């Protein structure tokens, strides 16, 4: 298995420790690629993992490697194929920043999570954003937040767009505010920027450059890497 994420599986293991899922827990891996993480979670923890990705070639590669993997074509913005309350955990590793409508993906994840279910994200963020950038995003987020977007809206709801990214990286405060507005309770937020630095170095050694590393190509000054775990309330 090739290196596909900052921190390899250290961040994944840390998140699973925080999530405290039982053996047999149902996990949805959004942006699963070739199913490397899904396979790891099944083998190490005994979870039932479903992976979705828009890259058919990667899905086929994963199924060819391990025919027992449940990998499907799917988009994190549209999880209609899964009933509400289907999963104990939804994970998005190095994925959310690449989704066109990250707010919609987070809302969809909330819909398919069981009560008490966990959301795990690891991705890029602005470590020291310009206060003006933060304020502008907050103002727009507050305006959009006035549009009802509750769990009962998991079917055909009113579309809205709250983007808490700047140049492809998330801004922490507006992102957390949106998660809480949807209904999540943020359990942990941890800076993992050292893992990003290591990943960049290892990718250069392996590939000769960062040309094939979409996310890390954005890893310029001021960009860090984070891990977040949130919970859908049990009541």
C-alpha atoms as a PDB file:
ATOM      1  CA  UNK A   1       0.000   0.000   0.000  1.00  0.00           C
ATOM      2  CA  UNK A   2       1.443   3.384  -0.974  1.00  0.00           C
ATOM      3  CA  UNK A   3       1.585   6.448   1.204  1.00  0.00           C
ATOM      4  CA  UNK A   4      -1.692   8.262   0.549  1.00  0.00           C
ATOM      5  CA  UNK A   5      -2.202  10.615   3.493  1.00  0.00           C
ATOM      6  CA  UNK A   6      -0.245  12.790   5.907  1.00  0.00           C
ATOM      7  CA  UNK A   7       0.498  10.866   9.089  1.00  0.00           C
ATOM      8  CA  UNK A   8      -0.080   7.545   7.304  1.00  0.00           C
ATOM      9  CA  UNK A   9      -2.478   5.822   9.729  1.00  0.00           C
ATOM     10  CA  UNK A  10      -1.386   7.590  12.911  1.00  0.00           C
ATOM     11  CA  UNK A  11      -4.111  10.217  12.527  1.00  0.00           C
ATOM     12  CA  UNK A  12      -6.654   7.535  11.638  1.00  0.00           C
ATOM     13  CA  UNK A  13      -5.766   5.536  14.740  1.00  0.00           C
ATOM     14  CA  UNK A  14      -5.960   8.636  16.940  1.00  0.00           C
ATOM     15  CA  UNK A  15      -9.395   9.455  15.539  1.00  0.00           C
ATOM     16  CA  UNK A  16     -10.644   5.904  16.079  1.00  0.00           C
ATOM     17  CA  UNK A  17      -9.421   6.087  19.669  1.00  0.00           C
ATOM     18  CA  UNK A  18     -11.538   9.208  20.152  1.00  0.00           C
ATOM     19  CA  UNK A  19     -14.542   7.754  18.315  1.00  0.00           C
ATOM     20  CA  UNK A  20     -14.607   4.632  20.531  1.00  0.00           C
ATOM     21  CA  UNK A  21     -16.501   2.515  18.020  1.00  0.00           C
ATOM     22  CA  UNK A  22     -17.468  -1.071  18.753  1.00  0.00           C
ATOM     23  CA  UNK A  23     -16.274  -3.984  16.661  1.00  0.00           C
ATOM     24  CA  UNK A  24     -18.670  -4.362  13.758  1.00  0.00           C
ATOM     25  CA  UNK A  25     -19.420  -0.628  13.673  1.00  0.00           C
ATOM     26  CA  UNK A  26     -20.602   0.660  10.301  1.00  0.00           C
ATOM     27  CA  UNK A  27     -18.243   3.259   8.827  1.00  0.00           C
ATOM     28  CA  UNK A  28     -18.620   5.343   5.664  1.00  0.00           C
ATOM     29  CA  UNK A  29     -15.332   6.454   4.074  1.00  0.00           C
ATOM     30  CA  UNK A  30     -16.042   9.437   1.804  1.00  0.00           C
ATOM     31  CA  UNK A  31     -13.352   9.757  -0.854  1.00  0.00           C
ATOM     32  CA  UNK A  32     -12.045   6.244  -0.226  1.00  0.00           C
ATOM     33  CA  UNK A  33      -9.787   6.073  -3.273  1.00  0.00           C
ATOM     34  CA  UNK A  34      -8.549   2.507  -3.701  1.00  0.00           C
ATOM     35  CA  UNK A  35      -9.906   1.477  -0.308  1.00  0.00           C
ATOM     36  CA  UNK A  36      -6.578   1.487   1.535  1.00  0.00           C
ATOM     37  CA  UNK A  37      -8.073   3.025   4.681  1.00  0.00           C
ATOM     38  CA  UNK A  38     -11.214   0.888   4.462  1.00  0.00           C
ATOM     39  CA  UNK A  39      -9.088  -2.245   4.309  1.00  0.00           C
ATOM     40  CA  UNK A  40      -6.966  -1.055   7.233  1.00  0.00           C
ATOM     41  CA  UNK A  41     -10.000  -0.342   9.419  1.00  0.00           C
ATOM     42  CA  UNK A  42     -11.613  -3.678   8.605  1.00  0.00           C
ATOM     43  CA  UNK A  43      -8.440  -5.643   9.304  1.00  0.00           C
ATOM     44  CA  UNK A  44      -7.351  -3.829  12.472  1.00  0.00           C
ATOM     45  CA  UNK A  45     -10.650  -2.885  14.126  1.00  0.00           C
ATOM     46  CA  UNK A  46     -13.223  -5.227  12.613  1.00  0.00           C
ATOM     47  CA  UNK A  47     -15.421  -2.394  11.323  1.00  0.00           C
ATOM     48  CA  UNK A  48     -17.871  -2.804   8.443  1.00  0.00           C
ATOM     49  CA  UNK A  49     -16.604  -0.148   6.046  1.00  0.00           C
ATOM     50  CA  UNK A  50     -18.340   1.201   2.962  1.00  0.00           C
ATOM     51  CA  UNK A  51     -16.200   3.413   0.744  1.00  0.00           C
ATOM     52  CA  UNK A  52     -17.398   5.862  -1.894  1.00  0.00           C
ATOM     53  CA  UNK A  53     -15.368   7.737  -4.481  1.00  0.00           C
ATOM     54  CA  UNK A  54     -15.861   9.386  -7.861  1.00  0.00           C
ATOM     55  CA  UNK A  55     -12.755   7.739  -9.313  1.00  0.00           C
ATOM     56  CA  UNK A  56     -13.909   4.484 -10.893  1.00  0.00           C
ATOM     57  CA  UNK A  57     -10.344   3.435 -11.692  1.00  0.00           C
ATOM     58  CA  UNK A  58      -9.347   3.660  -8.018  1.00  0.00           C
ATOM     59  CA  UNK A  59     -12.431   1.732  -6.920  1.00  0.00           C
ATOM     60  CA  UNK A  60     -11.687  -0.996  -9.465  1.00  0.00           C
ATOM     61  CA  UNK A  61      -8.076  -1.114  -8.280  1.00  0.00           C
ATOM     62  CA  UNK A  62      -9.205  -1.604  -4.691  1.00  0.00           C
ATOM     63  CA  UNK A  63     -11.711  -4.327  -5.535  1.00  0.00           C
ATOM     64  CA  UNK A  64      -9.096  -6.120  -7.594  1.00  0.00           C
ATOM     65  CA  UNK A  65      -6.734  -6.056  -4.620  1.00  0.00           C
ATOM     66  CA  UNK A  66      -9.384  -7.212  -2.159  1.00  0.00           C
ATOM     67  CA  UNK A  67     -12.713  -8.485  -3.422  1.00  0.00           C
ATOM     68  CA  UNK A  68     -14.238  -8.245   0.053  1.00  0.00           C
ATOM     69  CA  UNK A  69     -14.068  -4.441   0.102  1.00  0.00           C
ATOM     70  CA  UNK A  70     -17.399  -2.600  -0.259  1.00  0.00           C
ATOM     71  CA  UNK A  71     -16.320   0.214  -2.581  1.00  0.00           C
ATOM     72  CA  UNK A  72     -18.829   2.146  -4.668  1.00  0.00           C
ATOM     73  CA  UNK A  73     -19.079   5.096  -7.016  1.00  0.00           C
ATOM     74  CA  UNK A  74     -20.470   7.938  -4.959  1.00  0.00           C
ATOM     75  CA  UNK A  75     -20.325  11.640  -4.153  1.00  0.00           C
ATOM     76  CA  UNK A  76     -20.112  13.015  -0.612  1.00  0.00           C
ATOM     77  CA  UNK A  77     -22.568  15.757  -1.553  1.00  0.00           C
ATOM     78  CA  UNK A  78     -25.253  13.205  -2.437  1.00  0.00           C
ATOM     79  CA  UNK A  79     -25.655  10.327   0.011  1.00  0.00           C
ATOM     80  CA  UNK A  80     -29.248   9.558  -0.975  1.00  0.00           C
ATOM     81  CA  UNK A  81     -28.490   5.861  -1.542  1.00  0.00           C
ATOM     82  CA  UNK A  82     -28.001   5.467   2.211  1.00  0.00           C
ATOM     83  CA  UNK A  83     -30.966   5.684   4.612  1.00  0.00           C
ATOM     84  CA  UNK A  84     -30.833   8.116   7.516  1.00  0.00           C
ATOM     85  CA  UNK A  85     -29.169   6.743  10.662  1.00  0.00           C
ATOM     86  CA  UNK A  86     -27.099   4.184   8.681  1.00  0.00           C
ATOM     87  CA  UNK A  87     -23.572   4.692  10.027  1.00  0.00           C
ATOM     88  CA  UNK A  88     -21.741   4.828  13.332  1.00  0.00           C
ATOM     89  CA  UNK A  89     -18.994   6.942  11.772  1.00  0.00           C
ATOM     90  CA  UNK A  90     -18.441   9.010   8.633  1.00  0.00           C
ATOM     91  CA  UNK A  91     -14.823   9.793   7.780  1.00  0.00           C
ATOM     92  CA  UNK A  92     -13.310  12.228   5.288  1.00  0.00           C
ATOM     93  CA  UNK A  93      -9.522  12.016   5.117  1.00  0.00           C
ATOM     94  CA  UNK A  94      -7.867  14.511   2.731  1.00  0.00           C
ATOM     95  CA  UNK A  95     -11.239  14.752   0.993  1.00  0.00           C
ATOM     96  CA  UNK A  96     -13.489  17.559   2.229  1.00  0.00           C
ATOM     97  CA  UNK A  97     -11.331  20.387   0.842  1.00  0.00           C
ATOM     98  CA  UNK A  98     -11.681  18.861  -2.644  1.00  0.00           C
ATOM     99  CA  UNK A  99     -15.487  18.639  -2.557  1.00  0.00           C
ATOM    100  CA  UNK A 100     -17.336  21.395  -4.419  1.00  0.00           C
ATOM    101  CA  UNK A 101     -19.891  21.949  -1.646  1.00  0.00           C
ATOM    102  CA  UNK A 102     -18.241  21.001   1.653  1.00  0.00           C
ATOM    103  CA  UNK A 103     -21.167  22.340   3.671  1.00  0.00           C
ATOM    104  CA  UNK A 104     -23.551  20.027   1.832  1.00  0.00           C
ATOM    105  CA  UNK A 105     -21.220  17.070   2.389  1.00  0.00           C
ATOM    106  CA  UNK A 106     -21.163  17.768   6.137  1.00  0.00           C
ATOM    107  CA  UNK A 107     -24.948  18.032   6.230  1.00  0.00           C
ATOM    108  CA  UNK A 108     -25.353  14.809   4.249  1.00  0.00           C
ATOM    109  CA  UNK A 109     -22.987  13.075   6.661  1.00  0.00           C
ATOM    110  CA  UNK A 110     -25.122  14.278   9.570  1.00  0.00           C
ATOM    111  CA  UNK A 111     -28.194  12.770   7.942  1.00  0.00           C
ATOM    112  CA  UNK A 112     -26.720   9.292   7.494  1.00  0.00           C
ATOM    113  CA  UNK A 113     -25.091   9.162  10.938  1.00  0.00           C
ATOM    114  CA  UNK A 114     -26.840   7.305  13.724  1.00  0.00           C
ATOM    115  CA  UNK A 115     -27.615   9.262  16.869  1.00  0.00           C
ATOM    116  CA  UNK A 116     -24.386   9.318  18.835  1.00  0.00           C
ATOM    117  CA  UNK A 117     -22.428   8.691  15.612  1.00  0.00           C
ATOM    118  CA  UNK A 118     -19.048  10.288  14.943  1.00  0.00           C
ATOM    119  CA  UNK A 119     -17.656  12.451  12.152  1.00  0.00           C
ATOM    120  CA  UNK A 120     -13.900  12.294  11.491  1.00  0.00           C
ATOM    121  CA  UNK A 121     -12.167  14.828   9.232  1.00  0.00           C
ATOM    122  CA  UNK A 122      -8.497  15.396   8.467  1.00  0.00           C
ATOM    123  CA  UNK A 123      -7.586  18.122   5.993  1.00  0.00           C
ATOM    124  CA  UNK A 124      -5.845  21.407   5.235  1.00  0.00           C
ATOM    125  CA  UNK A 125      -6.525  24.619   7.136  1.00  0.00           C
ATOM    126  CA  UNK A 126      -5.242  28.186   7.428  1.00  0.00           C
ATOM    127  CA  UNK A 127      -3.129  28.336  10.578  1.00  0.00           C
ATOM    128  CA  UNK A 128      -3.051  32.132  10.843  1.00  0.00           C
ATOM    129  CA  UNK A 129      -5.739  33.544   8.550  1.00  0.00           C
ATOM    130  CA  UNK A 130      -6.137  37.244   7.926  1.00  0.00           C
ATOM    131  CA  UNK A 131      -8.836  38.538  10.332  1.00  0.00           C
ATOM    132  CA  UNK A 132     -10.537  40.242   7.373  1.00  0.00           C
ATOM    133  CA  UNK A 133     -10.823  36.895   5.589  1.00  0.00           C
ATOM    134  CA  UNK A 134     -12.306  35.299   8.689  1.00  0.00           C
ATOM    135  CA  UNK A 135     -14.799  38.129   9.146  1.00  0.00           C
ATOM    136  CA  UNK A 136     -15.924  38.039   5.512  1.00  0.00           C
ATOM    137  CA  UNK A 137     -16.513  34.285   5.678  1.00  0.00           C
ATOM    138  CA  UNK A 138     -18.327  34.614   9.009  1.00  0.00           C
ATOM    139  CA  UNK A 139     -20.677  37.262   7.605  1.00  0.00           C
ATOM    140  CA  UNK A 140     -21.565  35.099   4.604  1.00  0.00           C
ATOM    141  CA  UNK A 141     -21.931  32.005   6.780  1.00  0.00           C
ATOM    142  CA  UNK A 142     -24.287  33.856   9.125  1.00  0.00           C
ATOM    143  CA  UNK A 143     -26.365  35.040   6.169  1.00  0.00           C
ATOM    144  CA  UNK A 144     -26.619  31.527   4.768  1.00  0.00           C
ATOM    145  CA  UNK A 145     -27.309  30.075   8.209  1.00  0.00           C
ATOM    146  CA  UNK A 146     -30.652  31.885   8.236  1.00  0.00           C
ATOM    147  CA  UNK A 147     -31.852  29.383   5.636  1.00  0.00           C
ATOM    148  CA  UNK A 148     -33.375  26.393   7.518  1.00  0.00           C
ATOM    149  CA  UNK A 149     -31.162  23.332   7.230  1.00  0.00           C
ATOM    150  CA  UNK A 150     -32.229  20.829   9.850  1.00  0.00           C
ATOM    151  CA  UNK A 151     -32.121  17.051   9.958  1.00  0.00           C
ATOM    152  CA  UNK A 152     -35.718  16.945   8.747  1.00  0.00           C
ATOM    153  CA  UNK A 153     -34.341  18.607   5.609  1.00  0.00           C
ATOM    154  CA  UNK A 154     -32.320  15.522   4.658  1.00  0.00           C
ATOM    155  CA  UNK A 155     -34.533  14.848   1.693  1.00  0.00           C
ATOM    156  CA  UNK A 156     -35.317  17.649  -0.713  1.00  0.00           C
ATOM    157  CA  UNK A 157     -34.265  20.750   1.150  1.00  0.00           C
ATOM    158  CA  UNK A 158     -33.463  24.300   0.226  1.00  0.00           C
ATOM    159  CA  UNK A 159     -29.976  24.536  -1.250  1.00  0.00           C
ATOM    160  CA  UNK A 160     -27.471  26.938   0.233  1.00  0.00           C
ATOM    161  CA  UNK A 161     -23.729  27.342   0.036  1.00  0.00           C
ATOM    162  CA  UNK A 162     -21.494  28.110   2.993  1.00  0.00           C
ATOM    163  CA  UNK A 163     -17.839  27.990   1.967  1.00  0.00           C
ATOM    164  CA  UNK A 164     -15.391  28.192   4.864  1.00  0.00           C
ATOM    165  CA  UNK A 165     -12.306  27.697   2.685  1.00  0.00           C
ATOM    166  CA  UNK A 166      -9.686  30.154   1.494  1.00  0.00           C
ATOM    167  CA  UNK A 167      -7.469  29.102  -1.404  1.00  0.00           C
ATOM    168  CA  UNK A 168      -8.444  25.478  -0.838  1.00  0.00           C
ATOM    169  CA  UNK A 169      -7.807  25.384   2.912  1.00  0.00           C
ATOM    170  CA  UNK A 170     -10.400  25.618   5.678  1.00  0.00           C
ATOM    171  CA  UNK A 171     -10.665  28.422   8.188  1.00  0.00           C
ATOM    172  CA  UNK A 172     -11.178  26.839  11.587  1.00  0.00           C
ATOM    173  CA  UNK A 173     -13.665  29.139  13.339  1.00  0.00           C
ATOM    174  CA  UNK A 174     -16.304  29.381  10.557  1.00  0.00           C
ATOM    175  CA  UNK A 175     -16.010  25.648   9.884  1.00  0.00           C
ATOM    176  CA  UNK A 176     -16.615  24.725  13.520  1.00  0.00           C
ATOM    177  CA  UNK A 177     -19.447  27.261  13.744  1.00  0.00           C
ATOM    178  CA  UNK A 178     -21.116  25.617  10.748  1.00  0.00           C
ATOM    179  CA  UNK A 179     -20.696  22.123  12.194  1.00  0.00           C
ATOM    180  CA  UNK A 180     -22.378  23.272  15.394  1.00  0.00           C
ATOM    181  CA  UNK A 181     -25.160  24.986  13.451  1.00  0.00           C
ATOM    182  CA  UNK A 182     -25.889  21.716  11.616  1.00  0.00           C
ATOM    183  CA  UNK A 183     -26.113  19.955  14.974  1.00  0.00           C
ATOM    184  CA  UNK A 184     -22.692  18.412  15.571  1.00  0.00           C
ATOM    185  CA  UNK A 185     -20.820  18.676  18.858  1.00  0.00           C
ATOM    186  CA  UNK A 186     -17.085  19.066  18.223  1.00  0.00           C
ATOM    187  CA  UNK A 187     -15.201  16.593  20.413  1.00  0.00           C
ATOM    188  CA  UNK A 188     -11.621  17.313  19.335  1.00  0.00           C
ATOM    189  CA  UNK A 189      -9.606  19.573  17.032  1.00  0.00           C
ATOM    190  CA  UNK A 190      -5.897  18.847  16.786  1.00  0.00           C
ATOM    191  CA  UNK A 191      -3.165  20.470  14.696  1.00  0.00           C
ATOM    192  CA  UNK A 192      -1.241  17.817  12.739  1.00  0.00           C
ATOM    193  CA  UNK A 193       0.900  20.103  10.595  1.00  0.00           C
ATOM    194  CA  UNK A 194       4.076  18.160  11.376  1.00  0.00           C
ATOM    195  CA  UNK A 195       2.515  15.201   9.573  1.00  0.00           C
ATOM    196  CA  UNK A 196       1.918  17.411   6.530  1.00  0.00           C
ATOM    197  CA  UNK A 197       5.567  18.533   6.480  1.00  0.00           C
ATOM    198  CA  UNK A 198       6.722  14.910   6.666  1.00  0.00           C
ATOM    199  CA  UNK A 199       4.304  13.913   3.905  1.00  0.00           C
ATOM    200  CA  UNK A 200       5.615  16.641   1.585  1.00  0.00           C
ATOM    201  CA  UNK A 201       9.202  15.503   2.151  1.00  0.00           C
ATOM    202  CA  UNK A 202       8.369  11.813   1.616  1.00  0.00           C
ATOM    203  CA  UNK A 203       6.327  12.573  -1.500  1.00  0.00           C
ATOM    204  CA  UNK A 204       9.238  14.476  -3.014  1.00  0.00           C
ATOM    205  CA  UNK A 205      11.527  11.528  -2.249  1.00  0.00           C
ATOM    206  CA  UNK A 206       9.074   9.032  -3.773  1.00  0.00           C
ATOM    207  CA  UNK A 207       7.783  11.040  -6.745  1.00  0.00           C
ATOM    208  CA  UNK A 208      10.655  13.451  -7.385  1.00  0.00           C
ATOM    209  CA  UNK A 209       8.255  16.388  -7.050  1.00  0.00           C
ATOM    210  CA  UNK A 210       4.825  17.390  -5.782  1.00  0.00           C
ATOM    211  CA  UNK A 211       3.315  17.417  -9.281  1.00  0.00           C
ATOM    212  CA  UNK A 212       1.156  14.362  -8.514  1.00  0.00           C
ATOM    213  CA  UNK A 213       0.193  15.499  -5.041  1.00  0.00           C
ATOM    214  CA  UNK A 214      -2.851  17.752  -5.423  1.00  0.00           C
ATOM    215  CA  UNK A 215      -3.442  18.572  -1.779  1.00  0.00           C
ATOM    216  CA  UNK A 216       0.161  19.029  -0.766  1.00  0.00           C
ATOM    217  CA  UNK A 217       0.795  21.280  -3.751  1.00  0.00           C
ATOM    218  CA  UNK A 218      -1.355  23.709  -1.773  1.00  0.00           C
ATOM    219  CA  UNK A 219       0.822  23.191   1.290  1.00  0.00           C
ATOM    220  CA  UNK A 220       2.436  26.621   1.113  1.00  0.00           C
ATOM    221  CA  UNK A 221       3.248  29.042   3.904  1.00  0.00           C
ATOM    222  CA  UNK A 222       0.435  29.408   6.412  1.00  0.00           C
ATOM    223  CA  UNK A 223      -1.255  26.129   5.486  1.00  0.00           C
ATOM    224  CA  UNK A 224      -1.476  23.453   8.179  1.00  0.00           C
ATOM    225  CA  UNK A 225      -3.148  20.100   8.626  1.00  0.00           C
ATOM    226  CA  UNK A 226      -5.798  19.243  11.211  1.00  0.00           C
ATOM    227  CA  UNK A 227      -7.762  16.348  12.642  1.00  0.00           C
ATOM    228  CA  UNK A 228     -11.318  16.884  13.861  1.00  0.00           C
ATOM    229  CA  UNK A 229     -13.800  14.554  15.533  1.00  0.00           C
ATOM    230  CA  UNK A 230     -17.411  15.599  16.057  1.00  0.00           C
ATOM    231  CA  UNK A 231     -20.480  13.800  17.354  1.00  0.00           C
ATOM    232  CA  UNK A 232     -24.127  13.729  16.376  1.00  0.00           C
ATOM    233  CA  UNK A 233     -26.019  14.084  19.681  1.00  0.00           C
ATOM    234  CA  UNK A 234     -27.487  10.871  21.038  1.00  0.00           C
ATOM    235  CA  UNK A 235     -30.787  12.612  21.807  1.00  0.00           C
END
